[in-house]
Amino acid sequence: MTDVTTILQNPVPLYLLGVIPALFVVGDAPFSTLTSKILHILVCLGCPFTPLFYFLHVKTGANEGGDAIPDCCAYWLPKDKFQFHVPNRPENNIVNMWPFGYKIKKLDFTNIPNIKTRLVECVTNVSFLDRFVCFVSGYFVFVGFIIGIYRAVGPCQQQDWPAIPLLLVWTLPILVIRVCKGKVVVRDPREALKLVEGNIRVERLAEDKTRDIRGKVLATLLISIVIHWLTVVLTYYTKPVGFGCRSIGLSVVAGIWSFNSILCFVYYYLFNHSPPGVDTSPVYLWVCTCGVAVGAFFIFFSVISNNSLWWVIMFGNSCDVSSCLNSDNAQE
């Protein structure tokens, strides 16, 4: 019991503290309640595609090709706040459609200009502290990436290395966009438009523009499926051989992220459902649950990473990293 309490009193690994702010930036959402904000952080922790899609394709104004402010606010509205006139249909030609999915549409505020004004009021500039946090987290993620590559191809070392920052390398473009764009949605657009009557009209985009956007979204999906498996491969080949057993746990997280990225792509993007948090379907609850599991794994992984003996006790001799010392002694 004394050994356990001693280990628990050890300082939290610095790299873990460094990447925690990145998770808050990635999971930032303009919901009015603290519970909804926390749940959205869990969503982003359980599915990389969701924040990558928002920051790379909505926050940058990919739909409009210009001003991104209306887009990044309207993203948080339910699909019944948008209406699309279906051509060549004599009856029921007005349908509600979320314009950020596969059936990409352009927002048109000419019928109710007051809606655009209200949406713009939901946005403010990113603070200096927010930018600083992005730089700090980005530093730890980037350094973790470099260390991961070095440990995989470099000399044998017994000291553990920060696999978690390397696992979160997909957050880097999000942190860069947060700093460069300098805008953040701080008020729930649903609350801002509660007293505004009417819906936002959406229009078709040109076919070539639609193909271009869909191609970029598919590239984002591919990144959100594949990139974290790089951590699994690097960990597996990290010397000594005992470090390879870390890849088993990391592959579970990578598998969850890949599966959920495909699931959210199909459910939210292809089927044009309202975004996570606005839509509270079983898919949303599932991704939240996965976020809890991934967060628990990160904590567990960080606690036992400072004590190599725990790995051997829990997972067997295949996790023994003393082979570095043995090989050095043999050479002497």
C-alpha atoms as a PDB file:
ATOM      1  CA  MET A   1       0.000   0.000   0.000  1.00  0.00           C
ATOM      2  CA  THR A   2       2.902   2.320   0.762  1.00  0.00           C
ATOM      3  CA  ASP A   3       4.312   1.823  -2.739  1.00  0.00           C
ATOM      4  CA  VAL A   4       0.946   2.665  -4.292  1.00  0.00           C
ATOM      5  CA  THR A   5       0.536   5.896  -2.319  1.00  0.00           C
ATOM      6  CA  THR A   6       4.109   6.884  -3.125  1.00  0.00           C
ATOM      7  CA  ILE A   7       3.504   6.450  -6.843  1.00  0.00           C
ATOM      8  CA  LEU A   8       0.209   8.320  -6.714  1.00  0.00           C
ATOM      9  CA  GLN A   9       1.959  11.256  -5.030  1.00  0.00           C
ATOM     10  CA  ASN A  10       4.467  11.555  -7.856  1.00  0.00           C
ATOM     11  CA  PRO A  11       4.046  14.673  -9.996  1.00  0.00           C
ATOM     12  CA  VAL A  12       1.684  14.364 -12.929  1.00  0.00           C
ATOM     13  CA  PRO A  13       3.760  13.958 -16.126  1.00  0.00           C
ATOM     14  CA  LEU A  14       4.471  17.374 -17.601  1.00  0.00           C
ATOM     15  CA  TYR A  15       3.539  16.275 -21.109  1.00  0.00           C
ATOM     16  CA  LEU A  16       0.059  15.292 -19.913  1.00  0.00           C
ATOM     17  CA  LEU A  17      -0.506  18.698 -18.319  1.00  0.00           C
ATOM     18  CA  GLY A  18       0.774  20.274 -21.522  1.00  0.00           C
ATOM     19  CA  VAL A  19      -1.720  18.581 -23.831  1.00  0.00           C
ATOM     20  CA  ILE A  20      -4.806  18.942 -21.610  1.00  0.00           C
ATOM     21  CA  PRO A  21      -5.438  22.548 -22.805  1.00  0.00           C
ATOM     22  CA  ALA A  22      -5.411  21.265 -26.394  1.00  0.00           C
ATOM     23  CA  LEU A  23      -8.380  19.040 -25.580  1.00  0.00           C
ATOM     24  CA  PHE A  24     -10.295  22.035 -24.221  1.00  0.00           C
ATOM     25  CA  VAL A  25      -9.506  24.057 -27.354  1.00  0.00           C
ATOM     26  CA  VAL A  26     -10.501  21.189 -29.643  1.00  0.00           C
ATOM     27  CA  GLY A  27     -13.723  20.579 -27.707  1.00  0.00           C
ATOM     28  CA  ASP A  28     -14.710  24.220 -27.360  1.00  0.00           C
ATOM     29  CA  ALA A  29     -18.419  24.701 -28.072  1.00  0.00           C
ATOM     30  CA  PRO A  30     -20.774  27.669 -27.509  1.00  0.00           C
ATOM     31  CA  PHE A  31     -23.331  25.720 -25.492  1.00  0.00           C
ATOM     32  CA  SER A  32     -24.938  27.591 -22.609  1.00  0.00           C
ATOM     33  CA  THR A  33     -24.598  24.882 -19.927  1.00  0.00           C
ATOM     34  CA  LEU A  34     -21.404  23.489 -18.416  1.00  0.00           C
ATOM     35  CA  THR A  35     -22.669  19.930 -18.833  1.00  0.00           C
ATOM     36  CA  SER A  36     -23.132  20.400 -22.583  1.00  0.00           C
ATOM     37  CA  LYS A  37     -19.641  21.895 -22.886  1.00  0.00           C
ATOM     38  CA  ILE A  38     -18.062  18.966 -21.041  1.00  0.00           C
ATOM     39  CA  LEU A  39     -20.002  16.459 -23.139  1.00  0.00           C
ATOM     40  CA  HIS A  40     -18.759  18.102 -26.322  1.00  0.00           C
ATOM     41  CA  ILE A  41     -15.171  17.808 -25.102  1.00  0.00           C
ATOM     42  CA  LEU A  42     -15.851  14.103 -24.618  1.00  0.00           C
ATOM     43  CA  VAL A  43     -17.294  13.921 -28.143  1.00  0.00           C
ATOM     44  CA  CYS A  44     -14.109  15.400 -29.595  1.00  0.00           C
ATOM     45  CA  LEU A  45     -12.000  13.104 -27.416  1.00  0.00           C
ATOM     46  CA  GLY A  46     -13.967  10.147 -28.738  1.00  0.00           C
ATOM     47  CA  CYS A  47     -13.989  11.163 -32.421  1.00  0.00           C
ATOM     48  CA  PRO A  48     -11.236  13.259 -34.090  1.00  0.00           C
ATOM     49  CA  PHE A  49     -13.271  13.749 -37.278  1.00  0.00           C
ATOM     50  CA  THR A  50     -15.839  15.962 -35.524  1.00  0.00           C
ATOM     51  CA  PRO A  51     -13.453  18.780 -34.461  1.00  0.00           C
ATOM     52  CA  LEU A  52     -11.297  18.414 -37.571  1.00  0.00           C
ATOM     53  CA  PHE A  53     -14.349  18.857 -39.802  1.00  0.00           C
ATOM     54  CA  TYR A  54     -15.511  21.936 -37.884  1.00  0.00           C
ATOM     55  CA  PHE A  55     -12.143  23.701 -37.742  1.00  0.00           C
ATOM     56  CA  LEU A  56     -10.855  22.774 -41.208  1.00  0.00           C
ATOM     57  CA  HIS A  57     -14.062  23.148 -43.223  1.00  0.00           C
ATOM     58  CA  VAL A  58     -16.504  25.332 -41.296  1.00  0.00           C
ATOM     59  CA  LYS A  59     -14.385  27.711 -39.253  1.00  0.00           C
ATOM     60  CA  THR A  60     -12.259  28.505 -42.311  1.00  0.00           C
ATOM     61  CA  GLY A  61     -15.312  29.420 -44.388  1.00  0.00           C
ATOM     62  CA  ALA A  62     -15.017  26.502 -46.799  1.00  0.00           C
ATOM     63  CA  ASN A  63     -18.752  26.541 -47.489  1.00  0.00           C
ATOM     64  CA  GLU A  64     -18.901  30.208 -48.367  1.00  0.00           C
ATOM     65  CA  GLY A  65     -15.427  30.648 -49.776  1.00  0.00           C
ATOM     66  CA  GLY A  66     -15.308  33.964 -47.955  1.00  0.00           C
ATOM     67  CA  ASP A  67     -16.541  35.217 -44.578  1.00  0.00           C
ATOM     68  CA  ALA A  68     -16.361  32.320 -42.110  1.00  0.00           C
ATOM     69  CA  ILE A  69     -18.171  34.014 -39.212  1.00  0.00           C
ATOM     70  CA  PRO A  70     -21.752  33.173 -40.276  1.00  0.00           C
ATOM     71  CA  ASP A  71     -20.722  29.603 -41.073  1.00  0.00           C
ATOM     72  CA  CYS A  72     -18.995  28.856 -37.775  1.00  0.00           C
ATOM     73  CA  CYS A  73     -22.050  30.157 -35.889  1.00  0.00           C
ATOM     74  CA  ALA A  74     -24.734  28.586 -38.070  1.00  0.00           C
ATOM     75  CA  TYR A  75     -22.980  25.221 -37.686  1.00  0.00           C
ATOM     76  CA  TRP A  76     -24.386  25.007 -34.141  1.00  0.00           C
ATOM     77  CA  LEU A  77     -28.001  25.419 -35.253  1.00  0.00           C
ATOM     78  CA  PRO A  78     -30.413  22.482 -35.704  1.00  0.00           C
ATOM     79  CA  LYS A  79     -31.401  21.560 -39.231  1.00  0.00           C
ATOM     80  CA  ASP A  80     -34.951  22.897 -38.745  1.00  0.00           C
ATOM     81  CA  LYS A  81     -33.468  26.441 -38.779  1.00  0.00           C
ATOM     82  CA  PHE A  82     -32.530  26.019 -42.454  1.00  0.00           C
ATOM     83  CA  GLN A  83     -34.825  25.685 -45.430  1.00  0.00           C
ATOM     84  CA  PHE A  84     -34.122  24.668 -48.988  1.00  0.00           C
ATOM     85  CA  HIS A  85     -36.429  25.080 -51.965  1.00  0.00           C
ATOM     86  CA  VAL A  86     -36.373  21.836 -53.938  1.00  0.00           C
ATOM     87  CA  PRO A  87     -36.677  22.621 -57.657  1.00  0.00           C
ATOM     88  CA  ASN A  88     -39.054  20.709 -59.932  1.00  0.00           C
ATOM     89  CA  ARG A  89     -41.217  19.552 -57.053  1.00  0.00           C
ATOM     90  CA  PRO A  90     -44.809  20.889 -57.141  1.00  0.00           C
ATOM     91  CA  GLU A  91     -45.676  19.955 -53.536  1.00  0.00           C
ATOM     92  CA  ASN A  92     -43.697  19.946 -50.289  1.00  0.00           C
ATOM     93  CA  ASN A  93     -40.862  21.707 -52.048  1.00  0.00           C
ATOM     94  CA  ILE A  94     -39.531  23.344 -48.862  1.00  0.00           C
ATOM     95  CA  VAL A  95     -37.362  20.994 -46.784  1.00  0.00           C
ATOM     96  CA  ASN A  96     -35.242  21.469 -43.669  1.00  0.00           C
ATOM     97  CA  MET A  97     -31.620  20.614 -44.314  1.00  0.00           C
ATOM     98  CA  TRP A  98     -28.391  21.064 -42.342  1.00  0.00           C
ATOM     99  CA  PRO A  99     -26.175  22.787 -44.950  1.00  0.00           C
ATOM    100  CA  PHE A 100     -22.807  21.481 -43.757  1.00  0.00           C
ATOM    101  CA  GLY A 101     -23.272  17.827 -44.639  1.00  0.00           C
ATOM    102  CA  TYR A 102     -22.837  15.910 -47.878  1.00  0.00           C
ATOM    103  CA  LYS A 103     -25.575  17.979 -49.536  1.00  0.00           C
ATOM    104  CA  ILE A 104     -23.502  21.134 -49.181  1.00  0.00           C
ATOM    105  CA  LYS A 105     -25.383  24.402 -49.461  1.00  0.00           C
ATOM    106  CA  LYS A 106     -24.564  28.095 -49.329  1.00  0.00           C
ATOM    107  CA  LEU A 107     -26.183  30.269 -46.660  1.00  0.00           C
ATOM    108  CA  ASP A 108     -28.409  33.077 -47.927  1.00  0.00           C
ATOM    109  CA  PHE A 109     -29.370  35.782 -45.399  1.00  0.00           C
ATOM    110  CA  THR A 110     -31.063  38.185 -47.818  1.00  0.00           C
ATOM    111  CA  ASN A 111     -34.585  37.265 -46.736  1.00  0.00           C
ATOM    112  CA  ILE A 112     -33.919  37.890 -43.014  1.00  0.00           C
ATOM    113  CA  PRO A 113     -30.743  40.011 -42.608  1.00  0.00           C
ATOM    114  CA  ASN A 114     -31.331  40.246 -38.848  1.00  0.00           C
ATOM    115  CA  ILE A 115     -30.309  36.587 -38.490  1.00  0.00           C
ATOM    116  CA  LYS A 116     -26.821  37.268 -39.815  1.00  0.00           C
ATOM    117  CA  THR A 117     -26.444  40.213 -37.438  1.00  0.00           C
ATOM    118  CA  ARG A 118     -27.415  38.046 -34.479  1.00  0.00           C
ATOM    119  CA  LEU A 119     -24.974  35.342 -35.536  1.00  0.00           C
ATOM    120  CA  VAL A 120     -22.100  37.804 -35.835  1.00  0.00           C
ATOM    121  CA  GLU A 121     -22.833  38.985 -32.289  1.00  0.00           C
ATOM    122  CA  CYS A 122     -22.085  35.446 -31.050  1.00  0.00           C
ATOM    123  CA  VAL A 123     -18.423  35.765 -32.082  1.00  0.00           C
ATOM    124  CA  THR A 124     -15.553  37.472 -30.304  1.00  0.00           C
ATOM    125  CA  ASN A 125     -11.798  37.713 -30.731  1.00  0.00           C
ATOM    126  CA  VAL A 126      -9.526  35.042 -29.302  1.00  0.00           C
ATOM    127  CA  SER A 127      -7.772  36.326 -26.183  1.00  0.00           C
ATOM    128  CA  PHE A 128      -4.009  36.462 -25.694  1.00  0.00           C
ATOM    129  CA  LEU A 129      -4.276  33.779 -23.006  1.00  0.00           C
ATOM    130  CA  ASP A 130      -6.145  31.535 -25.442  1.00  0.00           C
ATOM    131  CA  ARG A 131      -3.420  31.958 -28.048  1.00  0.00           C
ATOM    132  CA  PHE A 132      -0.726  31.289 -25.446  1.00  0.00           C
ATOM    133  CA  VAL A 133      -2.451  28.072 -24.377  1.00  0.00           C
ATOM    134  CA  CYS A 134      -2.521  26.947 -28.013  1.00  0.00           C
ATOM    135  CA  PHE A 135       1.214  27.614 -28.344  1.00  0.00           C
ATOM    136  CA  VAL A 136       2.019  25.673 -25.160  1.00  0.00           C
ATOM    137  CA  SER A 137      -0.092  22.662 -26.112  1.00  0.00           C
ATOM    138  CA  GLY A 138       1.197  22.764 -29.672  1.00  0.00           C
ATOM    139  CA  TYR A 139       4.758  22.714 -28.343  1.00  0.00           C
ATOM    140  CA  PHE A 140       4.179  19.569 -26.276  1.00  0.00           C
ATOM    141  CA  VAL A 141       2.385  17.800 -29.121  1.00  0.00           C
ATOM    142  CA  PHE A 142       5.093  18.709 -31.639  1.00  0.00           C
ATOM    143  CA  VAL A 143       7.946  17.737 -29.311  1.00  0.00           C
ATOM    144  CA  GLY A 144       6.152  14.481 -28.519  1.00  0.00           C
ATOM    145  CA  PHE A 145       5.991  13.774 -32.252  1.00  0.00           C
ATOM    146  CA  ILE A 146       9.741  14.359 -32.673  1.00  0.00           C
ATOM    147  CA  ILE A 147      10.586  12.260 -29.610  1.00  0.00           C
ATOM    148  CA  GLY A 148       8.393   9.432 -30.855  1.00  0.00           C
ATOM    149  CA  ILE A 149      10.228   9.255 -34.180  1.00  0.00           C
ATOM    150  CA  TYR A 150      13.637   9.506 -32.490  1.00  0.00           C
ATOM    151  CA  ARG A 151      12.856   6.738 -29.995  1.00  0.00           C
ATOM    152  CA  ALA A 152      11.670   4.443 -32.785  1.00  0.00           C
ATOM    153  CA  VAL A 153      14.808   4.837 -34.932  1.00  0.00           C
ATOM    154  CA  GLY A 154      17.363   5.884 -32.306  1.00  0.00           C
ATOM    155  CA  PRO A 155      19.364   4.029 -29.647  1.00  0.00           C
ATOM    156  CA  CYS A 156      17.837   1.868 -26.936  1.00  0.00           C
ATOM    157  CA  GLN A 157      16.672   3.820 -23.869  1.00  0.00           C
ATOM    158  CA  GLN A 158      14.946   2.543 -20.764  1.00  0.00           C
ATOM    159  CA  GLN A 159      13.260   5.851 -19.946  1.00  0.00           C
ATOM    160  CA  ASP A 160       9.584   6.013 -20.917  1.00  0.00           C
ATOM    161  CA  TRP A 161       8.493   8.464 -23.606  1.00  0.00           C
ATOM    162  CA  PRO A 162       5.322  10.554 -24.036  1.00  0.00           C
ATOM    163  CA  ALA A 163       3.143   8.565 -26.412  1.00  0.00           C
ATOM    164  CA  ILE A 164       0.042  10.615 -25.560  1.00  0.00           C
ATOM    165  CA  PRO A 165       1.228  13.873 -27.233  1.00  0.00           C
ATOM    166  CA  LEU A 166       2.142  11.838 -30.311  1.00  0.00           C
ATOM    167  CA  LEU A 167      -1.322  10.272 -30.249  1.00  0.00           C
ATOM    168  CA  LEU A 168      -2.806  13.796 -30.265  1.00  0.00           C
ATOM    169  CA  VAL A 169      -0.811  15.041 -33.245  1.00  0.00           C
ATOM    170  CA  TRP A 170      -4.117  15.522 -35.120  1.00  0.00           C
ATOM    171  CA  THR A 171      -4.855  18.497 -32.838  1.00  0.00           C
ATOM    172  CA  LEU A 172      -1.998  20.562 -34.329  1.00  0.00           C
ATOM    173  CA  PRO A 173      -3.931  21.968 -37.338  1.00  0.00           C
ATOM    174  CA  ILE A 174      -6.813  22.847 -35.011  1.00  0.00           C
ATOM    175  CA  LEU A 175      -4.495  24.789 -32.697  1.00  0.00           C
ATOM    176  CA  VAL A 176      -2.978  26.617 -35.672  1.00  0.00           C
ATOM    177  CA  ILE A 177      -6.403  27.609 -37.016  1.00  0.00           C
ATOM    178  CA  ARG A 178      -7.517  28.771 -33.559  1.00  0.00           C
ATOM    179  CA  VAL A 179      -4.515  31.118 -33.390  1.00  0.00           C
ATOM    180  CA  CYS A 180      -4.525  32.302 -37.008  1.00  0.00           C
ATOM    181  CA  LYS A 181      -8.268  32.885 -37.437  1.00  0.00           C
ATOM    182  CA  GLY A 182      -8.506  34.736 -34.130  1.00  0.00           C
ATOM    183  CA  LYS A 183     -12.279  34.269 -33.732  1.00  0.00           C
ATOM    184  CA  VAL A 184     -14.276  32.085 -31.375  1.00  0.00           C
ATOM    185  CA  VAL A 185     -18.017  31.498 -30.949  1.00  0.00           C
ATOM    186  CA  VAL A 186     -18.827  32.310 -27.315  1.00  0.00           C
ATOM    187  CA  ARG A 187     -22.625  32.485 -27.353  1.00  0.00           C
ATOM    188  CA  ASP A 188     -25.042  29.729 -28.268  1.00  0.00           C
ATOM    189  CA  PRO A 189     -26.552  30.708 -31.657  1.00  0.00           C
ATOM    190  CA  ARG A 190     -29.747  28.875 -30.702  1.00  0.00           C
ATOM    191  CA  GLU A 191     -30.232  31.301 -27.829  1.00  0.00           C
ATOM    192  CA  ALA A 192     -29.355  34.278 -30.034  1.00  0.00           C
ATOM    193  CA  LEU A 193     -32.011  33.355 -32.618  1.00  0.00           C
ATOM    194  CA  LYS A 194     -34.698  32.300 -30.163  1.00  0.00           C
ATOM    195  CA  LEU A 195     -36.730  35.487 -30.711  1.00  0.00           C
ATOM    196  CA  VAL A 196     -35.980  35.791 -34.437  1.00  0.00           C
ATOM    197  CA  GLU A 197     -38.710  34.470 -36.688  1.00  0.00           C
ATOM    198  CA  GLY A 198     -37.946  32.703 -39.937  1.00  0.00           C
ATOM    199  CA  ASN A 199     -35.296  30.306 -41.145  1.00  0.00           C
ATOM    200  CA  ILE A 200     -32.016  30.680 -42.966  1.00  0.00           C
ATOM    201  CA  ARG A 201     -32.408  30.023 -46.657  1.00  0.00           C
ATOM    202  CA  VAL A 202     -29.803  27.793 -48.273  1.00  0.00           C
ATOM    203  CA  GLU A 203     -28.873  27.582 -51.938  1.00  0.00           C
ATOM    204  CA  ARG A 204     -26.999  25.162 -54.143  1.00  0.00           C
ATOM    205  CA  LEU A 205     -23.292  25.562 -54.745  1.00  0.00           C
ATOM    206  CA  ALA A 206     -21.672  25.195 -58.147  1.00  0.00           C
ATOM    207  CA  GLU A 207     -20.935  21.578 -59.014  1.00  0.00           C
ATOM    208  CA  ASP A 208     -17.166  22.086 -59.195  1.00  0.00           C
ATOM    209  CA  LYS A 209     -17.193  23.841 -55.816  1.00  0.00           C
ATOM    210  CA  THR A 210     -19.204  20.988 -54.313  1.00  0.00           C
ATOM    211  CA  ARG A 211     -16.766  18.382 -55.647  1.00  0.00           C
ATOM    212  CA  ASP A 212     -13.825  20.353 -54.279  1.00  0.00           C
ATOM    213  CA  ILE A 213     -15.339  20.574 -50.784  1.00  0.00           C
ATOM    214  CA  ARG A 214     -16.298  16.905 -50.730  1.00  0.00           C
ATOM    215  CA  GLY A 215     -12.786  15.923 -51.766  1.00  0.00           C
ATOM    216  CA  LYS A 216     -11.286  17.945 -48.917  1.00  0.00           C
ATOM    217  CA  VAL A 217     -13.726  16.434 -46.431  1.00  0.00           C
ATOM    218  CA  LEU A 218     -12.795  12.927 -47.581  1.00  0.00           C
ATOM    219  CA  ALA A 219      -9.123  13.825 -47.109  1.00  0.00           C
ATOM    220  CA  THR A 220      -9.938  15.008 -43.585  1.00  0.00           C
ATOM    221  CA  LEU A 221     -11.769  11.752 -42.911  1.00  0.00           C
ATOM    222  CA  LEU A 222      -8.759   9.766 -44.116  1.00  0.00           C
ATOM    223  CA  ILE A 223      -6.466  11.722 -41.803  1.00  0.00           C
ATOM    224  CA  SER A 224      -8.785  11.202 -38.832  1.00  0.00           C
ATOM    225  CA  ILE A 225      -8.809   7.452 -39.531  1.00  0.00           C
ATOM    226  CA  VAL A 226      -5.118   6.850 -40.223  1.00  0.00           C
ATOM    227  CA  ILE A 227      -2.870   9.384 -38.485  1.00  0.00           C
ATOM    228  CA  HIS A 228      -3.086   8.017 -34.923  1.00  0.00           C
ATOM    229  CA  TRP A 229      -2.007   4.574 -36.141  1.00  0.00           C
ATOM    230  CA  LEU A 230       1.404   6.158 -36.704  1.00  0.00           C
ATOM    231  CA  THR A 231       1.751   6.265 -32.914  1.00  0.00           C
ATOM    232  CA  VAL A 232       0.965   2.557 -32.673  1.00  0.00           C
ATOM    233  CA  VAL A 233       3.623   1.702 -35.270  1.00  0.00           C
ATOM    234  CA  LEU A 234       6.287   3.933 -33.704  1.00  0.00           C
ATOM    235  CA  THR A 235       5.569   2.531 -30.248  1.00  0.00           C
ATOM    236  CA  TYR A 236       5.756  -1.035 -31.498  1.00  0.00           C
ATOM    237  CA  TYR A 237       9.227  -0.472 -32.944  1.00  0.00           C
ATOM    238  CA  THR A 238      10.550   1.561 -30.014  1.00  0.00           C
ATOM    239  CA  LYS A 239      13.518  -0.138 -28.363  1.00  0.00           C
ATOM    240  CA  PRO A 240      13.682  -2.101 -26.088  1.00  0.00           C
ATOM    241  CA  VAL A 241      11.114  -4.684 -27.173  1.00  0.00           C
ATOM    242  CA  GLY A 242       9.201  -4.251 -23.898  1.00  0.00           C
ATOM    243  CA  PHE A 243       7.910  -0.885 -25.052  1.00  0.00           C
ATOM    244  CA  GLY A 244       6.025  -2.691 -27.800  1.00  0.00           C
ATOM    245  CA  CYS A 245       3.325  -3.769 -25.344  1.00  0.00           C
ATOM    246  CA  ARG A 246       2.304  -0.092 -25.065  1.00  0.00           C
ATOM    247  CA  SER A 247       1.125  -0.365 -28.649  1.00  0.00           C
ATOM    248  CA  ILE A 248      -1.623  -2.771 -27.567  1.00  0.00           C
ATOM    249  CA  GLY A 249      -3.331  -0.107 -25.456  1.00  0.00           C
ATOM    250  CA  LEU A 250      -2.671   2.595 -28.026  1.00  0.00           C
ATOM    251  CA  SER A 251      -4.192   0.443 -30.767  1.00  0.00           C
ATOM    252  CA  VAL A 252      -7.437   0.278 -28.768  1.00  0.00           C
ATOM    253  CA  VAL A 253      -7.643   4.085 -28.735  1.00  0.00           C
ATOM    254  CA  ALA A 254      -6.694   4.265 -32.410  1.00  0.00           C
ATOM    255  CA  GLY A 255      -9.377   1.707 -33.238  1.00  0.00           C
ATOM    256  CA  ILE A 256     -12.021   3.668 -31.327  1.00  0.00           C
ATOM    257  CA  TRP A 257     -11.052   6.872 -33.119  1.00  0.00           C
ATOM    258  CA  SER A 258     -11.050   5.276 -36.565  1.00  0.00           C
ATOM    259  CA  PHE A 259     -14.424   3.595 -36.052  1.00  0.00           C
ATOM    260  CA  ASN A 260     -16.066   6.696 -34.576  1.00  0.00           C
ATOM    261  CA  SER A 261     -14.659   8.935 -37.313  1.00  0.00           C
ATOM    262  CA  ILE A 262     -16.317   6.745 -39.939  1.00  0.00           C
ATOM    263  CA  LEU A 263     -19.522   6.561 -37.883  1.00  0.00           C
ATOM    264  CA  CYS A 264     -19.783  10.345 -37.436  1.00  0.00           C
ATOM    265  CA  PHE A 265     -18.899  10.940 -41.080  1.00  0.00           C
ATOM    266  CA  VAL A 266     -21.774   8.715 -42.169  1.00  0.00           C
ATOM    267  CA  TYR A 267     -24.320   9.870 -39.591  1.00  0.00           C
ATOM    268  CA  TYR A 268     -23.665  13.616 -39.473  1.00  0.00           C
ATOM    269  CA  TYR A 269     -22.074  14.353 -42.827  1.00  0.00           C
ATOM    270  CA  LEU A 270     -23.673  11.910 -45.265  1.00  0.00           C
ATOM    271  CA  PHE A 271     -27.121  11.900 -43.625  1.00  0.00           C
ATOM    272  CA  ASN A 272     -27.081  15.649 -42.832  1.00  0.00           C
ATOM    273  CA  HIS A 273     -28.095  15.367 -39.180  1.00  0.00           C
ATOM    274  CA  SER A 274     -27.629  18.299 -36.804  1.00  0.00           C
ATOM    275  CA  PRO A 275     -24.131  18.447 -35.222  1.00  0.00           C
ATOM    276  CA  PRO A 276     -23.188  16.588 -32.018  1.00  0.00           C
ATOM    277  CA  GLY A 277     -24.594  18.334 -28.969  1.00  0.00           C
ATOM    278  CA  VAL A 278     -27.465  19.796 -30.960  1.00  0.00           C
ATOM    279  CA  ASP A 279     -28.444  16.305 -32.039  1.00  0.00           C
ATOM    280  CA  THR A 280     -28.620  14.020 -28.970  1.00  0.00           C
ATOM    281  CA  SER A 281     -29.094  10.718 -30.765  1.00  0.00           C
ATOM    282  CA  PRO A 282     -27.696   7.335 -29.638  1.00  0.00           C
ATOM    283  CA  VAL A 283     -24.685   8.038 -31.873  1.00  0.00           C
ATOM    284  CA  TYR A 284     -23.959  11.147 -29.813  1.00  0.00           C
ATOM    285  CA  LEU A 285     -24.251   9.200 -26.546  1.00  0.00           C
ATOM    286  CA  TRP A 286     -22.001   6.453 -27.908  1.00  0.00           C
ATOM    287  CA  VAL A 287     -19.264   8.898 -28.901  1.00  0.00           C
ATOM    288  CA  CYS A 288     -19.498  10.598 -25.476  1.00  0.00           C
ATOM    289  CA  THR A 289     -19.053   7.222 -23.808  1.00  0.00           C
ATOM    290  CA  CYS A 290     -16.020   6.518 -25.975  1.00  0.00           C
ATOM    291  CA  GLY A 291     -14.616   9.904 -24.961  1.00  0.00           C
ATOM    292  CA  VAL A 292     -14.877   8.888 -21.302  1.00  0.00           C
ATOM    293  CA  ALA A 293     -13.094   5.605 -22.075  1.00  0.00           C
ATOM    294  CA  VAL A 294     -10.290   7.352 -23.976  1.00  0.00           C
ATOM    295  CA  GLY A 295      -9.851   9.929 -21.197  1.00  0.00           C
ATOM    296  CA  ALA A 296      -9.679   7.162 -18.585  1.00  0.00           C
ATOM    297  CA  PHE A 297      -7.065   5.372 -20.688  1.00  0.00           C
ATOM    298  CA  PHE A 298      -4.940   8.530 -20.902  1.00  0.00           C
ATOM    299  CA  ILE A 299      -5.003   8.915 -17.112  1.00  0.00           C
ATOM    300  CA  PHE A 300      -4.207   5.241 -16.552  1.00  0.00           C
ATOM    301  CA  PHE A 301      -1.445   5.285 -19.160  1.00  0.00           C
ATOM    302  CA  SER A 302       0.143   8.377 -17.585  1.00  0.00           C
ATOM    303  CA  VAL A 303       0.042   6.967 -14.045  1.00  0.00           C
ATOM    304  CA  ILE A 304       1.758   3.685 -14.904  1.00  0.00           C
ATOM    305  CA  SER A 305       4.221   5.136 -17.421  1.00  0.00           C
ATOM    306  CA  ASN A 306       6.493   6.297 -14.582  1.00  0.00           C
ATOM    307  CA  ASN A 307       6.834   2.777 -13.182  1.00  0.00           C
ATOM    308  CA  SER A 308       7.961   0.091 -15.624  1.00  0.00           C
ATOM    309  CA  LEU A 309       7.430  -2.605 -12.978  1.00  0.00           C
ATOM    310  CA  TRP A 310       3.657  -2.050 -13.123  1.00  0.00           C
ATOM    311  CA  TRP A 311       3.660  -2.971 -16.801  1.00  0.00           C
ATOM    312  CA  VAL A 312       5.329  -6.306 -16.032  1.00  0.00           C
ATOM    313  CA  ILE A 313       2.974  -7.036 -13.122  1.00  0.00           C
ATOM    314  CA  MET A 314      -0.178  -6.308 -15.136  1.00  0.00           C
ATOM    315  CA  PHE A 315       0.787  -7.487 -18.624  1.00  0.00           C
ATOM    316  CA  GLY A 316       3.593  -9.998 -18.137  1.00  0.00           C
ATOM    317  CA  ASN A 317       7.293 -10.229 -18.968  1.00  0.00           C
ATOM    318  CA  SER A 318       6.691  -9.123 -22.553  1.00  0.00           C
ATOM    319  CA  CYS A 319       6.556  -5.571 -21.162  1.00  0.00           C
ATOM    320  CA  ASP A 320       9.946  -5.810 -19.442  1.00  0.00           C
ATOM    321  CA  VAL A 321      12.160  -2.933 -20.618  1.00  0.00           C
ATOM    322  CA  SER A 322      15.301  -4.007 -18.744  1.00  0.00           C
ATOM    323  CA  SER A 323      16.729  -5.427 -21.966  1.00  0.00           C
ATOM    324  CA  CYS A 324      18.414  -2.070 -22.542  1.00  0.00           C
ATOM    325  CA  LEU A 325      20.532  -2.549 -19.429  1.00  0.00           C
ATOM    326  CA  ASN A 326      21.177  -6.193 -20.241  1.00  0.00           C
ATOM    327  CA  SER A 327      22.366  -5.392 -23.758  1.00  0.00           C
ATOM    328  CA  ASP A 328      24.657  -2.648 -22.442  1.00  0.00           C
ATOM    329  CA  ASN A 329      26.192  -5.015 -19.894  1.00  0.00           C
ATOM    330  CA  ALA A 330      26.689  -7.675 -22.552  1.00  0.00           C
ATOM    331  CA  GLN A 331      28.561  -5.217 -24.763  1.00  0.00           C
ATOM    332  CA  GLU A 332      30.849  -4.252 -21.891  1.00  0.00           C
END
